[in-house]
Amino acid sequence: MNKPLFAPLPLEVLRRGDISANAKLVFARLKLYAGENMTAFPSMTTLAVECGTTRRCAMRSVAHLERAGLLRVVRSTGNGNVYHLTSAESVTSAQSVTSDNADTSPVPKVSPQLVTTPTPPLVTKQVHIKDVLKRGTEKRFEKMSLSRESESQFEYFWQIYPRKEGKESARKYFKAAYAEHEANPSINRKLMGLIEEALGWQKELDEWQRDSRRWIPKPTTYLRDKRWLDERPRTNDADEHAKGF
């Protein structure tokens, strides 16, 4: 049985607030690629897929790591980029040397009564790379599934709605309403179930029947105003309303 792989992420990198979470994940994946020679050369597309992000986001993370001094990139148009990782210890040492050279003031004497706390050793946090990639993949599939479902639900809405105008604009409003509806845990029914139920009595309204159905709201208007939430008029009110025209 193969041993699980772990992506080592130095504690110095993990604690740095100036480095984004995506950049830390990319650094951990490159470090796993590089091994002992600290050199890796995966394609940007492969790096993005395995880190559960987009190619553009992976490129921004690489640039972020370069600015932070944790990575040096040798760019090539033909053979792909080569990534040279800089150890976190050397970055910390370089910052320390720079700070020492800049400070020329005398060092104050330390009282013998003070107790000096020893510096803790370097601790490397082990991040299971499979778990991280799995979470990113699950999020992408969840978004793709939601998008496909909303598209099929919209096509059904378009089929049963009695007025056919502005389909692309209506599609945008439907998908926005669908995403908002699915994000609300207090609603147990599907959006199309509510719309279909409302259309059942709205199609029978007098104003939807008169003048060759010219007063039926456009699909975009119906979706934008969430007309499926309208209250169904009582029978007497509907009769009085019809007599008024």
C-alpha atoms as a PDB file:
ATOM      1  CA  MET A   1       0.000   0.000   0.000  1.00  0.00           C
ATOM      2  CA  ASN A   2       1.413   3.385  -1.012  1.00  0.00           C
ATOM      3  CA  LYS A   3       2.114   5.859   1.753  1.00  0.00           C
ATOM      4  CA  PRO A   4       0.026   9.087   1.602  1.00  0.00           C
ATOM      5  CA  LEU A   5       1.874  12.180   0.402  1.00  0.00           C
ATOM      6  CA  PHE A   6       2.071  15.303   2.515  1.00  0.00           C
ATOM      7  CA  ALA A   7       2.951  18.803   1.355  1.00  0.00           C
ATOM      8  CA  PRO A   8       5.331  20.365   3.926  1.00  0.00           C
ATOM      9  CA  LEU A   9       4.493  23.983   4.682  1.00  0.00           C
ATOM     10  CA  PRO A  10       7.098  25.694   6.932  1.00  0.00           C
ATOM     11  CA  LEU A  11       5.606  27.406   9.952  1.00  0.00           C
ATOM     12  CA  GLU A  12       7.360  30.662   8.975  1.00  0.00           C
ATOM     13  CA  VAL A  13       5.420  30.672   5.707  1.00  0.00           C
ATOM     14  CA  LEU A  14       2.160  29.593   7.342  1.00  0.00           C
ATOM     15  CA  ARG A  15       2.313  32.447   9.881  1.00  0.00           C
ATOM     16  CA  ARG A  16       3.067  35.202   7.371  1.00  0.00           C
ATOM     17  CA  GLY A  17       0.060  37.462   7.073  1.00  0.00           C
ATOM     18  CA  ASP A  18       1.361  39.117   3.901  1.00  0.00           C
ATOM     19  CA  ILE A  19       0.980  35.879   1.899  1.00  0.00           C
ATOM     20  CA  SER A  20      -2.456  34.785   0.705  1.00  0.00           C
ATOM     21  CA  ALA A  21      -3.900  31.343   1.414  1.00  0.00           C
ATOM     22  CA  ASN A  22      -3.791  30.435  -2.284  1.00  0.00           C
ATOM     23  CA  ALA A  23      -0.115  31.413  -2.503  1.00  0.00           C
ATOM     24  CA  LYS A  24       0.683  29.240   0.533  1.00  0.00           C
ATOM     25  CA  LEU A  25      -1.069  26.284  -1.096  1.00  0.00           C
ATOM     26  CA  VAL A  26       0.838  26.806  -4.353  1.00  0.00           C
ATOM     27  CA  PHE A  27       4.109  27.014  -2.381  1.00  0.00           C
ATOM     28  CA  ALA A  28       3.300  23.723  -0.611  1.00  0.00           C
ATOM     29  CA  ARG A  29       2.545  21.994  -3.933  1.00  0.00           C
ATOM     30  CA  LEU A  30       5.732  23.316  -5.556  1.00  0.00           C
ATOM     31  CA  LYS A  31       7.726  22.196  -2.531  1.00  0.00           C
ATOM     32  CA  LEU A  32       6.326  18.693  -2.913  1.00  0.00           C
ATOM     33  CA  TYR A  33       7.265  18.752  -6.613  1.00  0.00           C
ATOM     34  CA  ALA A  34      10.765  20.091  -5.935  1.00  0.00           C
ATOM     35  CA  GLY A  35      12.019  17.655  -3.346  1.00  0.00           C
ATOM     36  CA  GLU A  36      15.540  18.090  -2.017  1.00  0.00           C
ATOM     37  CA  ASN A  37      16.943  20.063  -4.979  1.00  0.00           C
ATOM     38  CA  MET A  38      14.322  22.810  -4.444  1.00  0.00           C
ATOM     39  CA  THR A  39      13.593  23.005  -8.193  1.00  0.00           C
ATOM     40  CA  ALA A  40      10.290  22.222  -9.916  1.00  0.00           C
ATOM     41  CA  PHE A  41       8.872  22.721 -13.382  1.00  0.00           C
ATOM     42  CA  PRO A  42       5.124  21.856 -13.516  1.00  0.00           C
ATOM     43  CA  SER A  43       2.956  23.600 -16.103  1.00  0.00           C
ATOM     44  CA  MET A  44       0.759  26.426 -14.876  1.00  0.00           C
ATOM     45  CA  THR A  45      -2.348  24.505 -15.908  1.00  0.00           C
ATOM     46  CA  THR A  46      -1.320  21.430 -13.904  1.00  0.00           C
ATOM     47  CA  LEU A  47      -0.468  23.594 -10.899  1.00  0.00           C
ATOM     48  CA  ALA A  48      -3.873  25.292 -11.063  1.00  0.00           C
ATOM     49  CA  VAL A  49      -5.837  22.040 -11.367  1.00  0.00           C
ATOM     50  CA  GLU A  50      -4.018  20.296  -8.521  1.00  0.00           C
ATOM     51  CA  CYS A  51      -4.460  23.320  -6.231  1.00  0.00           C
ATOM     52  CA  GLY A  52      -8.169  23.535  -7.026  1.00  0.00           C
ATOM     53  CA  THR A  53      -8.012  27.037  -8.499  1.00  0.00           C
ATOM     54  CA  THR A  54      -7.962  28.805 -11.851  1.00  0.00           C
ATOM     55  CA  ARG A  55      -4.899  29.301 -14.039  1.00  0.00           C
ATOM     56  CA  ARG A  56      -5.014  33.068 -13.553  1.00  0.00           C
ATOM     57  CA  CYS A  57      -5.217  32.691  -9.772  1.00  0.00           C
ATOM     58  CA  ALA A  58      -2.231  30.312  -9.844  1.00  0.00           C
ATOM     59  CA  MET A  59      -0.224  32.875 -11.849  1.00  0.00           C
ATOM     60  CA  ARG A  60      -1.058  35.570  -9.286  1.00  0.00           C
ATOM     61  CA  SER A  61       0.029  33.244  -6.462  1.00  0.00           C
ATOM     62  CA  VAL A  62       3.382  32.578  -8.166  1.00  0.00           C
ATOM     63  CA  ALA A  63       3.954  36.327  -8.586  1.00  0.00           C
ATOM     64  CA  HIS A  64       3.000  36.784  -4.925  1.00  0.00           C
ATOM     65  CA  LEU A  65       5.590  34.213  -3.837  1.00  0.00           C
ATOM     66  CA  GLU A  66       8.233  35.932  -5.984  1.00  0.00           C
ATOM     67  CA  ARG A  67       7.580  39.267  -4.289  1.00  0.00           C
ATOM     68  CA  ALA A  68       7.759  37.578  -0.893  1.00  0.00           C
ATOM     69  CA  GLY A  69      11.203  36.173  -1.747  1.00  0.00           C
ATOM     70  CA  LEU A  70      10.104  32.546  -1.466  1.00  0.00           C
ATOM     71  CA  LEU A  71      10.355  31.734  -5.159  1.00  0.00           C
ATOM     72  CA  ARG A  72      12.544  32.529  -8.164  1.00  0.00           C
ATOM     73  CA  VAL A  73      11.083  31.816 -11.599  1.00  0.00           C
ATOM     74  CA  VAL A  74      13.105  31.245 -14.756  1.00  0.00           C
ATOM     75  CA  ARG A  75      10.580  31.917 -17.508  1.00  0.00           C
ATOM     76  CA  SER A  76      10.751  30.289 -20.930  1.00  0.00           C
ATOM     77  CA  THR A  77       8.356  30.541 -23.860  1.00  0.00           C
ATOM     78  CA  GLY A  78       9.158  27.126 -25.282  1.00  0.00           C
ATOM     79  CA  ASN A  79       9.998  24.682 -22.491  1.00  0.00           C
ATOM     80  CA  GLY A  80       7.895  26.074 -19.658  1.00  0.00           C
ATOM     81  CA  ASN A  81       8.902  27.808 -16.445  1.00  0.00           C
ATOM     82  CA  VAL A  82      11.396  26.519 -13.889  1.00  0.00           C
ATOM     83  CA  TYR A  83      10.656  27.302 -10.242  1.00  0.00           C
ATOM     84  CA  HIS A  84      13.505  27.589  -7.720  1.00  0.00           C
ATOM     85  CA  LEU A  85      12.195  27.567  -4.165  1.00  0.00           C
ATOM     86  CA  THR A  86      13.929  29.596  -1.492  1.00  0.00           C
ATOM     87  CA  SER A  87      13.935  28.045   1.944  1.00  0.00           C
ATOM     88  CA  ALA A  88      12.034  29.886   4.623  1.00  0.00           C
ATOM     89  CA  GLU A  89      15.140  29.812   6.836  1.00  0.00           C
ATOM     90  CA  SER A  90      17.237  31.743   4.311  1.00  0.00           C
ATOM     91  CA  VAL A  91      14.503  34.368   3.892  1.00  0.00           C
ATOM     92  CA  THR A  92      14.316  34.787   7.640  1.00  0.00           C
ATOM     93  CA  SER A  93      18.134  35.047   7.864  1.00  0.00           C
ATOM     94  CA  ALA A  94      18.286  37.633   5.065  1.00  0.00           C
ATOM     95  CA  GLN A  95      15.681  39.758   6.789  1.00  0.00           C
ATOM     96  CA  SER A  96      17.593  39.467  10.036  1.00  0.00           C
ATOM     97  CA  VAL A  97      20.914  40.513   8.417  1.00  0.00           C
ATOM     98  CA  THR A  98      19.268  43.489   6.738  1.00  0.00           C
ATOM     99  CA  SER A  99      17.789  44.557  10.034  1.00  0.00           C
ATOM    100  CA  ASP A 100      21.166  44.240  11.806  1.00  0.00           C
ATOM    101  CA  ASN A 101      22.995  46.293   9.165  1.00  0.00           C
ATOM    102  CA  ALA A 102      20.394  49.030   9.273  1.00  0.00           C
ATOM    103  CA  ASP A 103      20.476  49.397  13.071  1.00  0.00           C
ATOM    104  CA  THR A 104      23.743  51.082  14.235  1.00  0.00           C
ATOM    105  CA  SER A 105      22.508  52.223  17.627  1.00  0.00           C
ATOM    106  CA  PRO A 106      24.247  50.751  20.703  1.00  0.00           C
ATOM    107  CA  VAL A 107      22.688  47.677  22.209  1.00  0.00           C
ATOM    108  CA  PRO A 108      21.286  48.376  25.663  1.00  0.00           C
ATOM    109  CA  LYS A 109      22.587  46.322  28.541  1.00  0.00           C
ATOM    110  CA  VAL A 110      20.261  43.587  29.709  1.00  0.00           C
ATOM    111  CA  SER A 111      19.595  43.259  33.407  1.00  0.00           C
ATOM    112  CA  PRO A 112      20.892  39.948  34.799  1.00  0.00           C
ATOM    113  CA  GLN A 113      17.543  39.482  36.543  1.00  0.00           C
ATOM    114  CA  LEU A 114      15.721  39.115  33.217  1.00  0.00           C
ATOM    115  CA  VAL A 115      15.110  35.570  32.021  1.00  0.00           C
ATOM    116  CA  THR A 116      15.631  35.001  28.290  1.00  0.00           C
ATOM    117  CA  THR A 117      13.190  32.643  26.606  1.00  0.00           C
ATOM    118  CA  PRO A 118      14.931  30.353  24.091  1.00  0.00           C
ATOM    119  CA  THR A 119      13.817  30.568  20.474  1.00  0.00           C
ATOM    120  CA  PRO A 120      11.602  27.592  19.588  1.00  0.00           C
ATOM    121  CA  PRO A 121      12.910  25.289  16.853  1.00  0.00           C
ATOM    122  CA  LEU A 122      11.542  25.376  13.322  1.00  0.00           C
ATOM    123  CA  VAL A 123       8.309  23.417  13.133  1.00  0.00           C
ATOM    124  CA  THR A 124       6.943  22.214   9.810  1.00  0.00           C
ATOM    125  CA  LYS A 125       3.173  21.842   9.597  1.00  0.00           C
ATOM    126  CA  GLN A 126       2.171  18.772   7.604  1.00  0.00           C
ATOM    127  CA  VAL A 127      -0.757  19.527   5.274  1.00  0.00           C
ATOM    128  CA  HIS A 128      -2.327  16.517   3.598  1.00  0.00           C
ATOM    129  CA  ILE A 129      -2.286  17.584  -0.043  1.00  0.00           C
ATOM    130  CA  LYS A 130      -4.993  15.081  -1.016  1.00  0.00           C
ATOM    131  CA  ASP A 131      -7.446  16.628   1.465  1.00  0.00           C
ATOM    132  CA  VAL A 132      -6.780  20.146   0.160  1.00  0.00           C
ATOM    133  CA  LEU A 133      -7.180  19.121  -3.484  1.00  0.00           C
ATOM    134  CA  LYS A 134     -10.316  17.150  -2.678  1.00  0.00           C
ATOM    135  CA  ARG A 135     -11.966  20.173  -1.046  1.00  0.00           C
ATOM    136  CA  GLY A 136     -11.147  22.348  -4.061  1.00  0.00           C
ATOM    137  CA  THR A 137     -12.484  19.741  -6.495  1.00  0.00           C
ATOM    138  CA  GLU A 138     -15.702  19.317  -4.512  1.00  0.00           C
ATOM    139  CA  LYS A 139     -16.337  23.075  -4.617  1.00  0.00           C
ATOM    140  CA  ARG A 140     -15.803  23.199  -8.386  1.00  0.00           C
ATOM    141  CA  PHE A 141     -18.148  20.270  -8.996  1.00  0.00           C
ATOM    142  CA  GLU A 142     -20.739  21.807  -6.667  1.00  0.00           C
ATOM    143  CA  LYS A 143     -20.719  25.042  -8.695  1.00  0.00           C
ATOM    144  CA  MET A 144     -20.859  23.134 -11.990  1.00  0.00           C
ATOM    145  CA  SER A 145     -23.766  21.021 -10.747  1.00  0.00           C
ATOM    146  CA  LEU A 146     -25.668  24.110  -9.582  1.00  0.00           C
ATOM    147  CA  SER A 147     -25.088  25.805 -12.946  1.00  0.00           C
ATOM    148  CA  ARG A 148     -26.295  22.788 -14.947  1.00  0.00           C
ATOM    149  CA  GLU A 149     -29.363  22.366 -12.748  1.00  0.00           C
ATOM    150  CA  SER A 150     -30.313  26.045 -12.997  1.00  0.00           C
ATOM    151  CA  GLU A 151     -29.951  25.905 -16.798  1.00  0.00           C
ATOM    152  CA  SER A 152     -32.285  22.917 -17.115  1.00  0.00           C
ATOM    153  CA  GLN A 153     -34.775  24.522 -14.701  1.00  0.00           C
ATOM    154  CA  PHE A 154     -34.743  27.738 -16.734  1.00  0.00           C
ATOM    155  CA  GLU A 155     -35.489  25.869 -19.956  1.00  0.00           C
ATOM    156  CA  TYR A 156     -38.495  24.305 -18.235  1.00  0.00           C
ATOM    157  CA  PHE A 157     -39.621  27.741 -17.012  1.00  0.00           C
ATOM    158  CA  TRP A 158     -39.316  29.113 -20.528  1.00  0.00           C
ATOM    159  CA  GLN A 159     -41.387  26.239 -21.858  1.00  0.00           C
ATOM    160  CA  ILE A 160     -44.344  26.756 -19.494  1.00  0.00           C
ATOM    161  CA  TYR A 161     -44.331  30.563 -19.289  1.00  0.00           C
ATOM    162  CA  PRO A 162     -47.037  31.965 -21.618  1.00  0.00           C
ATOM    163  CA  ARG A 163     -45.025  34.921 -22.958  1.00  0.00           C
ATOM    164  CA  LYS A 164     -41.820  34.439 -24.944  1.00  0.00           C
ATOM    165  CA  GLU A 165     -39.747  37.650 -24.970  1.00  0.00           C
ATOM    166  CA  GLY A 166     -36.172  38.472 -23.931  1.00  0.00           C
ATOM    167  CA  LYS A 167     -34.944  34.938 -23.285  1.00  0.00           C
ATOM    168  CA  GLU A 168     -31.283  35.788 -22.563  1.00  0.00           C
ATOM    169  CA  SER A 169     -32.192  38.569 -20.149  1.00  0.00           C
ATOM    170  CA  ALA A 170     -34.698  36.273 -18.459  1.00  0.00           C
ATOM    171  CA  ARG A 171     -32.017  33.573 -18.173  1.00  0.00           C
ATOM    172  CA  LYS A 172     -29.774  35.905 -16.127  1.00  0.00           C
ATOM    173  CA  TYR A 173     -32.590  36.863 -13.750  1.00  0.00           C
ATOM    174  CA  PHE A 174     -33.638  33.225 -13.350  1.00  0.00           C
ATOM    175  CA  LYS A 175     -30.121  32.038 -12.497  1.00  0.00           C
ATOM    176  CA  ALA A 176     -29.699  34.860  -9.970  1.00  0.00           C
ATOM    177  CA  ALA A 177     -33.045  33.995  -8.341  1.00  0.00           C
ATOM    178  CA  TYR A 178     -32.175  30.278  -8.414  1.00  0.00           C
ATOM    179  CA  ALA A 179     -28.814  30.804  -6.669  1.00  0.00           C
ATOM    180  CA  GLU A 180     -30.437  33.035  -4.024  1.00  0.00           C
ATOM    181  CA  HIS A 181     -33.220  30.494  -3.466  1.00  0.00           C
ATOM    182  CA  GLU A 182     -30.814  27.542  -3.118  1.00  0.00           C
ATOM    183  CA  ALA A 183     -28.664  29.478  -0.633  1.00  0.00           C
ATOM    184  CA  ASN A 184     -31.634  29.954   1.717  1.00  0.00           C
ATOM    185  CA  PRO A 185     -31.806  26.903   4.039  1.00  0.00           C
ATOM    186  CA  SER A 186     -35.221  27.905   5.425  1.00  0.00           C
ATOM    187  CA  ILE A 187     -36.973  27.175   2.101  1.00  0.00           C
ATOM    188  CA  ASN A 188     -37.654  23.476   1.587  1.00  0.00           C
ATOM    189  CA  ARG A 189     -39.343  23.650  -1.834  1.00  0.00           C
ATOM    190  CA  LYS A 190     -37.595  24.043  -5.174  1.00  0.00           C
ATOM    191  CA  LEU A 191     -37.897  27.363  -6.990  1.00  0.00           C
ATOM    192  CA  MET A 192     -39.611  25.859 -10.048  1.00  0.00           C
ATOM    193  CA  GLY A 193     -42.155  24.169  -7.793  1.00  0.00           C
ATOM    194  CA  LEU A 194     -43.184  27.566  -6.416  1.00  0.00           C
ATOM    195  CA  ILE A 195     -43.219  29.199  -9.864  1.00  0.00           C
ATOM    196  CA  GLU A 196     -45.253  26.366 -11.422  1.00  0.00           C
ATOM    197  CA  GLU A 197     -47.806  26.513  -8.606  1.00  0.00           C
ATOM    198  CA  ALA A 198     -48.156  30.296  -8.939  1.00  0.00           C
ATOM    199  CA  LEU A 199     -48.489  30.148 -12.727  1.00  0.00           C
ATOM    200  CA  GLY A 200     -51.299  27.630 -12.290  1.00  0.00           C
ATOM    201  CA  TRP A 201     -53.646  30.341 -10.975  1.00  0.00           C
ATOM    202  CA  GLN A 202     -51.960  33.395 -12.502  1.00  0.00           C
ATOM    203  CA  LYS A 203     -52.674  32.150 -16.044  1.00  0.00           C
ATOM    204  CA  GLU A 204     -56.390  32.214 -15.162  1.00  0.00           C
ATOM    205  CA  LEU A 205     -56.391  35.848 -14.056  1.00  0.00           C
ATOM    206  CA  ASP A 206     -58.566  38.141 -16.135  1.00  0.00           C
ATOM    207  CA  GLU A 207     -55.726  40.590 -16.852  1.00  0.00           C
ATOM    208  CA  TRP A 208     -53.639  37.719 -18.183  1.00  0.00           C
ATOM    209  CA  GLN A 209     -56.483  36.654 -20.494  1.00  0.00           C
ATOM    210  CA  ARG A 210     -57.656  40.017 -21.908  1.00  0.00           C
ATOM    211  CA  ASP A 211     -56.538  41.649 -25.177  1.00  0.00           C
ATOM    212  CA  SER A 212     -54.859  38.575 -26.597  1.00  0.00           C
ATOM    213  CA  ARG A 213     -52.855  38.196 -23.357  1.00  0.00           C
ATOM    214  CA  ARG A 214     -50.940  41.402 -23.966  1.00  0.00           C
ATOM    215  CA  TRP A 215     -50.939  42.228 -20.229  1.00  0.00           C
ATOM    216  CA  ILE A 216     -49.020  39.146 -19.223  1.00  0.00           C
ATOM    217  CA  PRO A 217     -45.740  40.357 -17.641  1.00  0.00           C
ATOM    218  CA  LYS A 218     -42.585  39.830 -19.637  1.00  0.00           C
ATOM    219  CA  PRO A 219     -40.480  36.924 -18.308  1.00  0.00           C
ATOM    220  CA  THR A 220     -37.748  39.311 -17.167  1.00  0.00           C
ATOM    221  CA  THR A 221     -40.281  41.414 -15.234  1.00  0.00           C
ATOM    222  CA  TYR A 222     -41.865  38.328 -13.690  1.00  0.00           C
ATOM    223  CA  LEU A 223     -38.498  37.026 -12.470  1.00  0.00           C
ATOM    224  CA  ARG A 224     -37.082  40.381 -11.392  1.00  0.00           C
ATOM    225  CA  ASP A 225     -40.141  41.197  -9.267  1.00  0.00           C
ATOM    226  CA  LYS A 226     -40.452  37.611  -7.948  1.00  0.00           C
ATOM    227  CA  ARG A 227     -44.088  37.472  -8.997  1.00  0.00           C
ATOM    228  CA  TRP A 228     -44.378  33.838  -7.916  1.00  0.00           C
ATOM    229  CA  LEU A 229     -44.576  35.242  -4.380  1.00  0.00           C
ATOM    230  CA  ASP A 230     -47.778  37.187  -5.178  1.00  0.00           C
ATOM    231  CA  GLU A 231     -50.759  36.311  -3.011  1.00  0.00           C
ATOM    232  CA  ARG A 232     -53.525  34.490  -4.800  1.00  0.00           C
ATOM    233  CA  PRO A 233     -56.649  36.666  -4.877  1.00  0.00           C
ATOM    234  CA  ARG A 234     -59.768  35.365  -3.191  1.00  0.00           C
ATOM    235  CA  THR A 235     -62.625  34.271  -5.443  1.00  0.00           C
ATOM    236  CA  ASN A 236     -64.904  37.208  -4.579  1.00  0.00           C
ATOM    237  CA  ASP A 237     -62.086  39.709  -5.027  1.00  0.00           C
ATOM    238  CA  ALA A 238     -61.200  38.194  -8.379  1.00  0.00           C
ATOM    239  CA  ASP A 239     -64.849  38.409  -9.562  1.00  0.00           C
ATOM    240  CA  GLU A 240     -65.172  42.031  -8.491  1.00  0.00           C
ATOM    241  CA  HIS A 241     -61.871  42.814 -10.153  1.00  0.00           C
ATOM    242  CA  ALA A 242     -63.064  41.212 -13.396  1.00  0.00           C
ATOM    243  CA  LYS A 243     -66.365  43.164 -13.343  1.00  0.00           C
ATOM    244  CA  GLY A 244     -64.489  46.439 -13.037  1.00  0.00           C
ATOM    245  CA  PHE A 245     -63.041  46.098 -16.562  1.00  0.00           C
END
